[in-house]
């Protein structure tokens, strides 16, 4: 059987590399590194092209074994084997396909049970572009072309290869006497009226089904454009991309973004964030980023925990949390590597070996199992036993996964404040925060600082001034425009990464069933704002108050 042929070869590579069989427990094997010879031997044994085996391994694991620990799907080793039984009946070989392209349906059936699937597409994308590390290499082969995909005729806005479903979120009035009492999103005409600049990654903090039900209840006052199931990566679209879902707790970010919910819980992330979820989410984001010209970097592919809650900063969300594998996700997105530089650093711990002791706290705090994480703890001094950082607004300084005062996440970029021995200080929320230099990569980009003598206000959003709103707005409750409200101030020689710039802006909307002045219009202010990597959140400063370094 063709798929058992490939599975048998994959298993043999892993066995040859790990010495499995010489250990008492398969889950305890710890690969020391797979050599090109191991792939060649498996290829000769089973008649599978060696380059296909290497690409299969690269697509599944990036040639990383995670120290012998299982993935969220229970897979082990470079070949992501889920059981020694993968080798079952490997000797029953059917007719071999002709050429690499002929192997596409074999890989697809092995990994998805269908004639096409996300792993098969990634395998063949790797074959086409090539890959390499210090030991293994795949030469680029432009002839390794996957069969063309048939575009779905369904209503969901998805890439052709994803079998998405459309289930509309509620859009209904909750009170006939108030034009602002409605759920669960705003109608718009993006990107014609406002650009789509960001994609925000969430987790649901509930089940897939309960999330769908919540978004269909207009009294919930929340929604997201897409929801992805943990078990198999099923994608449901609930709000059109042209419309504005209420997902980020920040009206500006909502206006300029697409939200994607992933079934799971931040404190339990590794048990929910499956291979199928990562792959289908990445395929969806690649599709959306190409369609709306969104850069594939961490200034534009955001976590909900990167976004400040506009009305309740202390209530800003913390998902997808420390156990979301941003490294792997950005690799699946085929994001370009950041350019190196001198004045900025990007947070880049090794996900497999970075396992801080974190806790989850309600009435009492409990230690979470130590596990791979993309979070790094920040300290007040350059030493391991120094106190954790606290925040002047949030307090904190704990290992609680919901405490963002003293934590940074993979992919975020910050300005360097100082260096001492094996430690680096970054500017973080108005103060210097220390972390090991080993978890940082030099990064290029623009840096800004406060103008001399100016105490710079730091905002969660770049709203227009109330006087800049059109006459007669806003209608309903509240009846007065929201005023920009600063959360922090900075001054002196502090420095921060400039993520992007924009004019003050808000999207004014009330329920579409009412005739009111200026409904569904963009209100722009005169001021220009810079979005900066401030602390765990991106925040905004008035461009007139700062200068580029």
Protein backbone atom coordinates (compact mmCIF):
# COMPACT_ATOMS: atom_id res chain seq x y z
CA UNK A 1 0.00 0.00 0.00
CA UNK A 2 1.41 3.35 -1.06
CA UNK A 3 0.79 5.24 2.16
CA UNK A 4 2.23 2.37 4.23
CA UNK A 5 5.21 2.40 1.91
CA UNK A 6 5.87 6.01 2.84
CA UNK A 7 5.03 5.47 6.50
CA UNK A 8 7.39 2.53 6.67
CA UNK A 9 10.22 4.53 5.15
CA UNK A 10 9.54 7.42 7.52
CA UNK A 11 9.57 5.09 10.49
CA UNK A 12 12.81 3.46 9.36
CA UNK A 13 14.51 6.86 9.10
CA UNK A 14 13.43 7.72 12.62
CA UNK A 15 14.42 4.30 13.96
CA UNK A 16 17.80 4.42 12.28
CA UNK A 17 18.43 7.90 13.61
CA UNK A 18 17.27 7.38 17.18
CA UNK A 19 18.31 3.82 17.90
CA UNK A 20 14.72 3.04 18.87
CA UNK A 21 14.54 -0.54 20.00
CA UNK A 22 17.62 -0.10 22.13
CA UNK A 23 15.57 1.84 24.67
CA UNK A 24 12.88 0.59 26.98
CA UNK A 25 10.33 3.26 26.12
CA UNK A 26 9.74 4.65 22.66
CA UNK A 27 8.59 7.98 24.11
CA UNK A 28 11.92 8.30 25.91
CA UNK A 29 14.07 8.17 22.77
CA UNK A 30 16.13 11.25 22.22
CA UNK A 31 17.44 11.57 18.64
CA UNK A 32 21.04 12.65 18.35
CA UNK A 33 20.57 13.98 14.81
CA UNK A 34 19.52 12.33 11.59
CA UNK A 35 22.22 12.02 8.93
CA UNK A 36 21.75 12.14 5.15
CA UNK A 37 22.84 8.50 5.12
CA UNK A 38 19.82 7.50 7.26
CA UNK A 39 17.46 9.00 4.68
CA UNK A 40 19.38 7.37 1.82
CA UNK A 41 19.21 3.98 3.53
CA UNK A 42 15.46 4.29 4.09
CA UNK A 43 14.97 5.40 0.51
CA UNK A 44 16.87 2.38 -0.78
CA UNK A 45 15.03 0.00 1.54
CA UNK A 46 11.53 1.16 0.62
CA UNK A 47 11.96 2.68 -2.82
CA UNK A 48 10.88 6.15 -1.69
CA UNK A 49 12.84 9.18 -3.01
CA UNK A 50 15.26 10.39 -0.36
CA UNK A 51 14.43 14.04 -1.08
CA UNK A 52 10.75 13.28 -0.47
CA UNK A 53 11.53 11.74 2.92
CA UNK A 54 13.63 14.74 3.92
CA UNK A 55 10.93 17.16 2.78
CA UNK A 56 8.29 15.14 4.63
CA UNK A 57 10.35 15.35 7.82
CA UNK A 58 11.06 19.05 7.33
CA UNK A 59 7.40 19.89 6.77
CA UNK A 60 6.31 18.01 9.88
CA UNK A 61 9.02 19.01 12.34
CA UNK A 62 11.48 21.41 10.72
CA UNK A 63 14.07 18.67 11.42
CA UNK A 64 13.65 19.28 15.15
CA UNK A 65 13.02 16.44 17.59
CA UNK A 66 12.08 18.58 20.66
CA UNK A 67 14.34 16.57 22.91
CA UNK A 68 12.30 13.39 22.51
CA UNK A 69 9.13 14.99 23.90
CA UNK A 70 5.80 14.54 22.10
CA UNK A 71 4.02 17.27 20.17
CA UNK A 72 0.45 18.33 20.94
CA UNK A 73 -0.62 15.53 18.58
CA UNK A 74 1.50 12.93 20.41
CA UNK A 75 4.11 12.69 17.64
CA UNK A 76 7.76 11.93 18.32
CA UNK A 77 11.04 12.60 16.61
CA UNK A 78 11.96 14.16 13.30
CA UNK A 79 9.28 12.18 11.45
CA UNK A 80 6.52 13.00 13.97
CA UNK A 81 5.65 9.33 14.50
CA UNK A 82 2.57 8.79 16.60
CA UNK A 83 3.12 5.07 17.28
CA UNK A 84 5.63 2.32 16.61
CA UNK A 85 2.76 0.70 14.71
CA UNK A 86 3.51 3.15 11.89
CA UNK A 87 5.81 0.41 10.63
CA UNK A 88 2.98 -2.10 10.50
CA UNK A 89 2.83 -3.91 7.16
CA UNK A 90 5.54 -1.62 5.76
CA UNK A 91 6.71 -4.49 3.65
CA UNK A 92 3.44 -4.71 1.69
CA UNK A 93 4.48 -2.42 -1.11
CA UNK A 94 2.12 -1.48 -3.89
CA UNK A 95 3.02 -0.02 -7.25
CA UNK A 96 5.39 2.92 -6.89
CA UNK A 97 4.35 6.31 -8.31
CA UNK A 98 6.28 7.79 -11.21
CA UNK A 99 8.30 10.88 -10.32
CA UNK A 100 7.97 13.16 -7.31
CA UNK A 101 4.63 14.62 -8.37
CA UNK A 102 3.11 11.15 -8.41
CA UNK A 103 3.80 10.90 -4.69
CA UNK A 104 1.57 13.87 -3.84
CA UNK A 105 -1.66 11.88 -3.25
CA UNK A 106 0.34 9.32 -1.25
CA UNK A 107 1.60 11.99 1.14
CA UNK A 108 -1.87 13.56 1.28
CA UNK A 109 -3.61 10.29 2.17
CA UNK A 110 -0.98 9.44 4.76
CA UNK A 111 -1.31 12.78 6.53
CA UNK A 112 -4.95 13.75 6.02
CA UNK A 113 -6.81 10.72 4.68
CA UNK A 114 -7.70 12.76 1.58
CA UNK A 115 -6.22 13.32 -1.87
CA UNK A 116 -4.98 16.75 -0.79
CA UNK A 117 -4.06 18.33 2.49
CA UNK A 118 -1.93 20.98 4.23
CA UNK A 119 1.02 18.68 5.04
CA UNK A 120 1.24 17.46 1.43
CA UNK A 121 1.23 21.05 0.19
CA UNK A 122 3.99 21.98 2.64
CA UNK A 123 6.06 18.94 1.64
CA UNK A 124 5.92 19.88 -2.03
CA UNK A 125 6.53 23.55 -1.31
CA UNK A 126 9.71 22.47 0.51
CA UNK A 127 10.76 20.35 -2.46
CA UNK A 128 10.24 23.27 -4.85
CA UNK A 129 12.17 25.88 -2.88
CA UNK A 130 14.72 23.63 -1.14
CA UNK A 131 15.87 23.69 2.48
CA UNK A 132 19.02 23.14 4.49
CA UNK A 133 20.71 23.24 7.87
CA UNK A 134 24.16 22.25 9.08
CA UNK A 135 23.64 18.58 8.30
CA UNK A 136 20.71 18.03 5.96
CA UNK A 137 19.96 19.67 2.63
CA UNK A 138 17.23 19.52 0.00
CA UNK A 139 18.12 20.92 -3.40
CA UNK A 140 15.40 23.12 -4.92
CA UNK A 141 13.41 21.24 -7.58
CA UNK A 142 11.06 23.50 -9.60
CA UNK A 143 9.53 20.40 -11.18
CA UNK A 144 8.08 19.21 -7.85
CA UNK A 145 4.67 20.77 -8.48
CA UNK A 146 1.57 19.84 -6.48
CA UNK A 147 -1.62 19.25 -8.48
CA UNK A 148 -3.75 22.41 -8.92
CA UNK A 149 -6.44 22.96 -6.30
CA UNK A 150 -10.10 23.37 -7.17
CA UNK A 151 -11.51 26.59 -5.74
CA UNK A 152 -14.25 26.01 -3.23
CA UNK A 153 -17.67 27.15 -4.41
CA UNK A 154 -18.85 27.75 -0.85
CA UNK A 155 -19.56 31.11 0.75
CA UNK A 156 -16.51 31.20 3.03
CA UNK A 157 -13.53 33.39 2.08
CA UNK A 158 -10.75 30.82 2.27
CA UNK A 159 -7.86 29.44 0.23
CA UNK A 160 -8.84 26.74 -2.25
CA UNK A 161 -7.14 23.98 -0.28
CA UNK A 162 -9.15 24.57 2.92
CA UNK A 163 -12.62 23.13 3.25
CA UNK A 164 -14.09 26.09 5.20
CA UNK A 165 -17.68 26.56 6.25
CA UNK A 166 -19.71 29.77 6.51
CA UNK A 167 -21.76 30.33 9.65
CA UNK A 168 -22.74 33.99 10.04
CA UNK A 169 -22.38 35.74 13.37
CA UNK A 170 -25.38 37.64 14.66
CA UNK A 171 -26.06 41.13 13.38
CA UNK A 172 -29.17 42.35 15.18
CA UNK A 173 -30.55 45.15 17.34
CA UNK A 174 -30.92 44.44 21.04
CA UNK A 175 -32.90 47.59 21.91
CA UNK A 176 -35.15 49.52 19.51
CA UNK A 177 -34.68 52.69 21.58
CA UNK A 178 -30.85 52.76 21.28
CA UNK A 179 -29.11 52.71 17.88
CA UNK A 180 -25.89 51.63 19.63
CA UNK A 181 -27.39 48.53 21.29
CA UNK A 182 -26.67 45.82 18.76
CA UNK A 183 -24.35 42.91 18.12
CA UNK A 184 -22.01 41.47 17.05
CA UNK A 185 -19.99 43.41 14.46
CA UNK A 186 -19.98 46.53 12.28
CA UNK A 187 -20.75 46.46 8.59
CA UNK A 188 -18.12 48.16 6.43
CA UNK A 189 -16.55 48.01 2.98
CA UNK A 190 -12.94 47.16 3.72
CA UNK A 191 -10.42 47.67 2.27
CA UNK A 192 -12.12 50.36 0.16
CA UNK A 193 -12.98 52.50 3.21
CA UNK A 194 -10.21 51.45 5.61
CA UNK A 195 -7.17 49.22 4.98
CA UNK A 196 -6.78 45.80 6.55
CA UNK A 197 -3.32 46.00 8.13
CA UNK A 198 -3.18 43.27 10.78
CA UNK A 199 -4.24 39.72 11.60
CA UNK A 200 -4.87 38.97 15.28
CA UNK A 201 -4.37 35.45 16.66
CA UNK A 202 -6.66 34.51 19.56
CA UNK A 203 -7.56 31.45 21.55
CA UNK A 204 -11.18 30.88 22.46
CA UNK A 205 -10.92 30.13 26.20
CA UNK A 206 -13.86 27.82 25.52
CA UNK A 207 -14.88 25.04 23.18
CA UNK A 208 -15.24 25.39 19.42
CA UNK A 209 -18.99 24.81 19.58
CA UNK A 210 -19.56 27.23 22.46
CA UNK A 211 -17.59 29.90 20.58
CA UNK A 212 -19.75 29.50 17.48
CA UNK A 213 -22.84 29.76 19.66
CA UNK A 214 -21.54 32.86 21.43
CA UNK A 215 -20.90 34.68 18.16
CA UNK A 216 -24.42 33.85 17.00
CA UNK A 217 -25.94 35.48 20.09
CA UNK A 218 -26.29 39.28 19.53
CA UNK A 219 -26.28 39.87 23.29
CA UNK A 220 -22.69 38.63 23.54
CA UNK A 221 -21.33 41.76 21.80
CA UNK A 222 -18.33 39.89 20.44
CA UNK A 223 -17.27 38.09 17.27
CA UNK A 224 -14.31 37.07 15.18
CA UNK A 225 -13.91 36.61 11.46
CA UNK A 226 -12.81 32.96 11.74
CA UNK A 227 -12.81 30.15 14.30
CA UNK A 228 -10.54 27.09 14.00
CA UNK A 229 -11.17 23.75 15.71
CA UNK A 230 -8.37 22.05 17.63
CA UNK A 231 -8.93 18.40 16.71
CA UNK A 232 -8.80 18.65 12.92
CA UNK A 233 -8.23 22.30 12.06
CA UNK A 234 -11.76 22.85 10.72
CA UNK A 235 -12.23 26.50 9.77
CA UNK A 236 -15.52 28.37 10.17
CA UNK A 237 -15.90 31.92 8.91
CA UNK A 238 -18.44 34.01 10.82
CA UNK A 239 -17.83 37.63 9.72
CA UNK A 240 -16.98 38.81 6.20
CA UNK A 241 -13.50 40.25 5.81
CA UNK A 242 -15.03 43.51 4.56
CA UNK A 243 -16.84 43.91 7.89
CA UNK A 244 -15.38 44.75 11.29
CA UNK A 245 -15.56 41.99 13.89
CA UNK A 246 -15.47 42.87 17.58
CA UNK A 247 -12.57 40.71 18.66
CA UNK A 248 -9.63 42.74 20.00
CA UNK A 249 -11.07 45.06 22.67
CA UNK A 250 -9.63 47.98 20.72
CA UNK A 251 -11.73 49.86 18.16
CA UNK A 252 -8.76 50.89 16.05
CA UNK A 253 -7.29 47.39 15.88
CA UNK A 254 -10.73 45.95 15.16
CA UNK A 255 -11.16 48.43 12.31
CA UNK A 256 -7.83 47.53 10.70
CA UNK A 257 -7.60 43.79 11.35
CA UNK A 258 -8.97 40.31 10.81
CA UNK A 259 -9.46 38.17 13.92
CA UNK A 260 -8.89 34.40 14.04
CA UNK A 261 -9.97 32.42 17.09
CA UNK A 262 -8.27 29.08 17.84
CA UNK A 263 -10.02 26.58 20.07
CA UNK A 264 -8.08 26.27 23.30
CA UNK A 265 -7.04 27.77 26.61
CA UNK A 266 -3.92 29.89 27.09
CA UNK A 267 -2.83 28.09 30.27
CA UNK A 268 -3.29 24.69 28.58
CA UNK A 269 -2.01 25.70 25.16
CA UNK A 270 0.19 22.77 24.23
CA UNK A 271 -2.69 20.33 24.65
CA UNK A 272 -4.92 22.30 22.28
CA UNK A 273 -2.64 23.77 19.61
CA UNK A 274 -2.44 20.82 17.22
CA UNK A 275 -0.55 20.36 13.98
CA UNK A 276 -3.79 20.54 12.00
CA UNK A 277 -4.73 23.79 13.72
CA UNK A 278 -1.34 25.41 13.10
CA UNK A 279 -1.27 24.36 9.44
CA UNK A 280 -4.79 25.38 8.54
CA UNK A 281 -4.43 28.65 10.40
CA UNK A 282 -1.18 29.37 8.57
CA UNK A 283 -2.75 28.53 5.21
CA UNK A 284 -5.62 30.91 5.99
CA UNK A 285 -3.28 33.71 7.10
CA UNK A 286 -1.08 33.32 4.01
CA UNK A 287 -4.21 33.64 1.86
CA UNK A 288 -5.46 36.72 3.71
CA UNK A 289 -2.03 38.36 3.87
CA UNK A 290 -1.58 37.96 0.11
CA UNK A 291 -5.07 39.26 -0.61
CA UNK A 292 -4.78 42.35 1.60
CA UNK A 293 -0.99 42.89 1.32
CA UNK A 294 -0.32 42.36 5.01
CA UNK A 295 3.38 41.89 5.85
CA UNK A 296 4.20 38.53 7.37
CA UNK A 297 6.01 39.80 10.45
CA UNK A 298 5.22 40.16 14.14
CA UNK A 299 4.43 43.84 13.75
CA UNK A 300 1.40 42.82 11.65
CA UNK A 301 0.68 39.21 12.66
CA UNK A 302 -0.33 39.87 16.25
CA UNK A 303 -1.41 37.94 19.28
CA UNK A 304 -4.40 39.26 21.20
CA UNK A 305 -1.88 39.74 24.00
CA UNK A 306 -0.06 42.30 21.81
CA UNK A 307 -3.18 44.51 21.76
CA UNK A 308 -4.13 47.00 24.49
CA UNK A 309 -7.74 47.10 25.64
CA UNK A 310 -8.84 50.61 24.77
CA UNK A 311 -11.39 51.14 27.57
CA UNK A 312 -10.01 48.86 30.27
CA UNK A 313 -6.24 48.58 29.95
CA UNK A 314 -5.91 46.38 33.04
CA UNK A 315 -8.38 43.99 31.42
CA UNK A 316 -6.32 43.53 28.25
CA UNK A 317 -6.36 39.92 27.12
CA UNK A 318 -3.45 37.48 27.37
CA UNK A 319 -4.18 34.94 24.63
CA UNK A 320 -2.94 32.92 22.81
CA UNK A 321 -0.52 32.77 25.73
CA UNK A 322 3.00 31.51 26.42
CA UNK A 323 2.57 28.08 24.84
CA UNK A 324 1.64 29.25 21.34
CA UNK A 325 4.65 28.34 19.15
CA UNK A 326 5.26 31.60 17.28
CA UNK A 327 8.49 30.26 15.77
CA UNK A 328 6.71 27.36 14.15
CA UNK A 329 3.74 29.49 13.14
CA UNK A 330 5.90 32.05 11.38
CA UNK A 331 7.80 29.25 9.64
CA UNK A 332 4.50 27.83 8.37
CA UNK A 333 3.61 31.32 7.18
CA UNK A 334 6.92 31.31 5.26
CA UNK A 335 7.66 34.66 6.86
CA UNK A 336 10.97 36.27 5.85
CA UNK A 337 13.75 36.23 8.44
CA UNK A 338 14.17 39.55 10.29
CA UNK A 339 17.11 41.68 9.17
CA UNK A 340 19.92 42.07 11.74
CA UNK A 341 20.77 45.47 13.23
CA UNK A 342 22.40 47.16 16.21
CA UNK A 343 19.82 49.15 18.18
CA UNK A 344 16.96 46.65 18.37
CA UNK A 345 16.61 43.04 19.47
CA UNK A 346 13.94 40.45 18.70
CA UNK A 347 12.79 37.97 21.35
CA UNK A 348 13.89 34.54 20.07
CA UNK A 349 14.11 31.78 22.71
CA UNK A 350 14.41 28.17 21.57
CA UNK A 351 10.82 27.02 21.99
CA UNK A 352 11.69 23.40 22.83
CA UNK A 353 14.22 24.14 25.56
CA UNK A 354 12.75 27.37 26.94
CA UNK A 355 10.58 26.07 29.78
CA UNK A 356 10.05 28.73 32.46
CA UNK A 357 8.17 27.77 35.59
CA UNK A 358 4.81 29.51 35.15
CA UNK A 359 1.70 29.50 37.29
CA UNK A 360 -2.02 30.02 36.86
CA UNK A 361 -3.76 32.03 39.54
CA UNK A 362 -7.39 32.43 40.59
CA UNK A 363 -8.09 32.29 44.33
CA UNK A 364 -4.72 30.59 44.73
CA UNK A 365 -1.81 30.01 42.40
CA UNK A 366 -0.83 26.63 41.01
CA UNK A 367 2.34 25.67 39.16
CA UNK A 368 1.79 24.68 35.54
CA UNK A 369 3.73 21.72 34.14
CA UNK A 370 7.02 22.95 32.74
CA UNK A 371 6.79 22.76 28.96
CA UNK A 372 8.07 24.49 25.82
CA UNK A 373 7.13 28.17 25.77
CA UNK A 374 7.72 31.32 23.78
CA UNK A 375 7.69 33.54 26.88
CA UNK A 376 10.76 35.01 28.59
CA UNK A 377 10.69 36.50 32.10
CA UNK A 378 12.03 40.02 32.68
CA UNK A 379 14.06 41.02 35.71
CA UNK A 380 15.04 44.26 37.45
CA UNK A 381 18.77 43.45 37.41
CA UNK A 382 21.10 41.32 35.24
CA UNK A 383 21.04 38.15 37.31
CA UNK A 384 18.87 35.04 37.55
CA UNK A 385 17.76 35.67 41.12
CA UNK A 386 16.82 39.33 40.63
CA UNK A 387 13.16 40.26 41.28
CA UNK A 388 10.78 40.09 38.36
CA UNK A 389 9.80 43.38 36.78
CA UNK A 390 6.70 45.22 37.98
CA UNK A 391 4.57 47.69 36.03
CA UNK A 392 3.59 51.16 37.30
CA UNK A 393 0.00 50.65 36.13
CA UNK A 394 -0.51 46.88 36.40
CA UNK A 395 1.71 45.96 39.33
CA UNK A 396 2.46 42.28 38.77
CA UNK A 397 5.95 40.87 38.93
CA UNK A 398 4.73 37.26 39.16
CA UNK A 399 4.96 34.04 37.17
CA UNK A 400 1.19 34.00 36.55
CA UNK A 401 0.52 33.41 32.83
CA UNK A 402 -2.01 36.26 32.94
CA UNK A 403 0.55 38.75 34.33
CA UNK A 404 2.01 40.68 31.38
CA UNK A 405 4.09 43.09 33.48
CA UNK A 406 7.25 40.97 33.35
CA UNK A 407 7.04 38.86 30.20
CA UNK A 408 8.00 39.16 26.54
CA UNK A 409 6.98 36.88 23.69
CA UNK A 410 8.72 35.37 20.68
CA UNK A 411 8.95 37.68 17.69
CA UNK A 412 8.42 40.99 19.48
CA UNK A 413 11.13 43.61 18.97
CA UNK A 414 12.44 46.15 21.49
CA UNK A 415 15.07 48.89 21.72
CA UNK A 416 18.30 48.08 23.57
CA UNK A 417 18.84 50.06 26.77
CA UNK A 418 22.06 48.53 28.12
CA UNK A 419 24.27 45.44 28.05
CA UNK A 420 26.16 43.79 30.88
CA UNK A 421 27.95 40.47 30.58
CA UNK A 422 25.54 37.82 29.31
CA UNK A 423 22.53 40.08 29.87
CA UNK A 424 20.74 42.76 27.85
CA UNK A 425 18.35 45.44 29.08
CA UNK A 426 15.48 46.59 26.84
CA UNK A 427 13.22 49.61 27.18
CA UNK A 428 9.95 48.14 28.38
CA UNK A 429 6.98 50.14 29.62
CA UNK A 430 9.02 53.13 30.74
CA UNK A 431 11.84 51.24 32.45
CA UNK A 432 14.82 49.01 31.79
CA UNK A 433 14.08 45.27 31.83
CA UNK A 434 16.85 42.66 31.89
CA UNK A 435 16.88 39.27 30.16
CA UNK A 436 19.56 36.85 28.96
CA UNK A 437 21.22 37.90 25.71
CA UNK A 438 21.07 34.26 24.54
CA UNK A 439 17.32 34.56 23.89
CA UNK A 440 17.73 37.62 21.64
CA UNK A 441 18.55 38.19 18.00
CA UNK A 442 19.86 41.55 16.70
CA UNK A 443 17.19 43.32 14.67
CA UNK A 444 16.98 46.19 12.21
CA UNK A 445 14.33 48.88 12.21
CA UNK A 446 13.49 52.42 13.21
CA UNK A 447 13.85 53.68 16.77
CA UNK A 448 12.26 56.75 18.36
CA UNK A 449 12.77 58.70 21.58
CA UNK A 450 10.91 61.50 23.42
CA UNK A 451 11.79 65.01 22.34
CA UNK A 452 13.94 66.85 24.86
CA UNK A 453 11.88 68.20 27.74
CA UNK A 454 8.65 66.55 26.58
CA UNK A 455 6.64 64.20 28.77
CA UNK A 456 5.14 61.96 26.10
CA UNK A 457 1.69 60.48 26.59
CA UNK A 458 1.28 56.83 25.62
CA UNK A 459 -2.15 55.78 24.36
CA UNK A 460 -3.86 52.43 23.68
CA UNK A 461 -5.35 53.82 20.41
CA UNK A 462 -4.88 56.83 18.13
CA UNK A 463 -8.33 58.39 18.39
CA UNK A 464 -9.33 61.76 16.91
CA UNK A 465 -10.03 64.59 19.32
CA UNK A 466 -13.74 64.99 20.24
CA UNK A 467 -13.87 68.32 18.34
CA UNK A 468 -12.90 66.48 15.14
CA UNK A 469 -16.07 64.38 15.12
CA UNK A 470 -18.83 65.44 12.67
CA UNK A 471 -21.74 67.40 14.08
CA UNK A 472 -24.54 65.16 15.29
CA UNK A 473 -22.25 62.24 16.16
CA UNK A 474 -22.20 59.96 17.97
CA UNK A 475 -25.83 58.91 18.10
CA UNK A 476 -27.28 56.68 20.78
CA UNK A 477 -25.56 55.83 24.06
CA UNK A 478 -22.92 57.13 24.72
CA UNK A 479 -23.76 60.42 23.02
CA UNK A 480 -20.34 62.04 23.41
CA UNK A 481 -17.18 61.14 21.41
CA UNK A 482 -14.49 59.20 23.25
CA UNK A 483 -11.48 61.35 24.10
CA UNK A 484 -7.90 60.02 23.77
CA UNK A 485 -6.86 58.77 27.22
CA UNK A 486 -3.19 58.16 28.01
CA UNK A 487 -2.18 55.16 30.13
CA UNK A 488 1.54 55.92 30.56
CA UNK A 489 3.99 58.76 30.07
CA UNK A 490 7.64 58.55 28.99
CA UNK A 491 10.48 61.07 28.89
CA UNK A 492 14.25 61.39 28.77
CA UNK A 493 16.41 59.03 26.74
CA UNK A 494 14.00 56.09 26.55
CA UNK A 495 13.81 54.43 23.13
CA UNK A 496 11.21 52.24 21.42
CA UNK A 497 10.76 50.41 18.17
CA UNK A 498 8.63 52.20 15.60
CA UNK A 499 6.20 49.58 14.28
CA UNK A 500 4.21 51.82 11.91
CA UNK A 501 2.51 55.21 11.62
CA UNK A 502 -0.99 56.47 10.87
CA UNK A 503 -3.29 59.46 11.32
CA UNK A 504 -5.74 59.60 14.18
CA UNK A 505 -8.75 57.59 13.07
CA UNK A 506 -11.90 55.81 14.15
CA UNK A 507 -14.71 54.05 12.31
CA UNK A 508 -18.07 55.46 13.33
CA UNK A 509 -20.88 52.92 13.14
CA UNK A 510 -24.32 52.37 14.56
CA UNK A 511 -26.79 49.63 13.72
CA UNK A 512 -27.44 49.55 9.98
CA UNK A 513 -31.19 49.39 10.34
CA UNK A 514 -31.44 53.06 11.40
CA UNK A 515 -31.14 56.26 9.37
CA UNK A 516 -28.66 58.41 11.29
CA UNK A 517 -26.13 61.05 10.15
CA UNK A 518 -22.64 59.94 9.06
CA UNK A 519 -23.31 56.28 9.86
CA UNK A 520 -20.55 53.88 8.74
CA UNK A 521 -17.96 56.54 8.02
CA UNK A 522 -14.26 56.95 8.79
CA UNK A 523 -13.48 59.90 11.07
CA UNK A 524 -9.91 61.11 10.73
CA UNK A 525 -8.05 63.53 12.96
CA UNK A 526 -5.22 65.89 12.08
CA UNK A 527 -2.54 64.31 14.30
CA UNK A 528 -0.13 61.61 13.17
CA UNK A 529 0.62 58.79 15.62
CA UNK A 530 3.40 56.23 15.84
CA UNK A 531 2.62 52.69 16.96
CA UNK A 532 5.48 51.50 19.16
CA UNK A 533 6.57 48.26 20.81
CA UNK A 534 6.08 49.64 24.31
CA UNK A 535 5.69 46.79 26.78
CA UNK A 536 3.79 43.57 26.19
CA UNK A 537 1.40 45.70 24.14
CA UNK A 538 1.79 47.89 21.12
CA UNK A 539 0.85 51.44 22.09
CA UNK A 540 0.61 54.84 20.36
CA UNK A 541 2.41 58.17 20.76
CA UNK A 542 1.80 61.48 19.02
CA UNK A 543 4.48 61.92 16.36
CA UNK A 544 4.91 65.57 17.35
CA UNK A 545 6.13 64.50 20.82
CA UNK A 546 8.95 62.20 19.68
CA UNK A 547 11.84 62.10 17.24
CA UNK A 548 13.42 59.33 15.20
CA UNK A 549 16.91 58.37 16.33
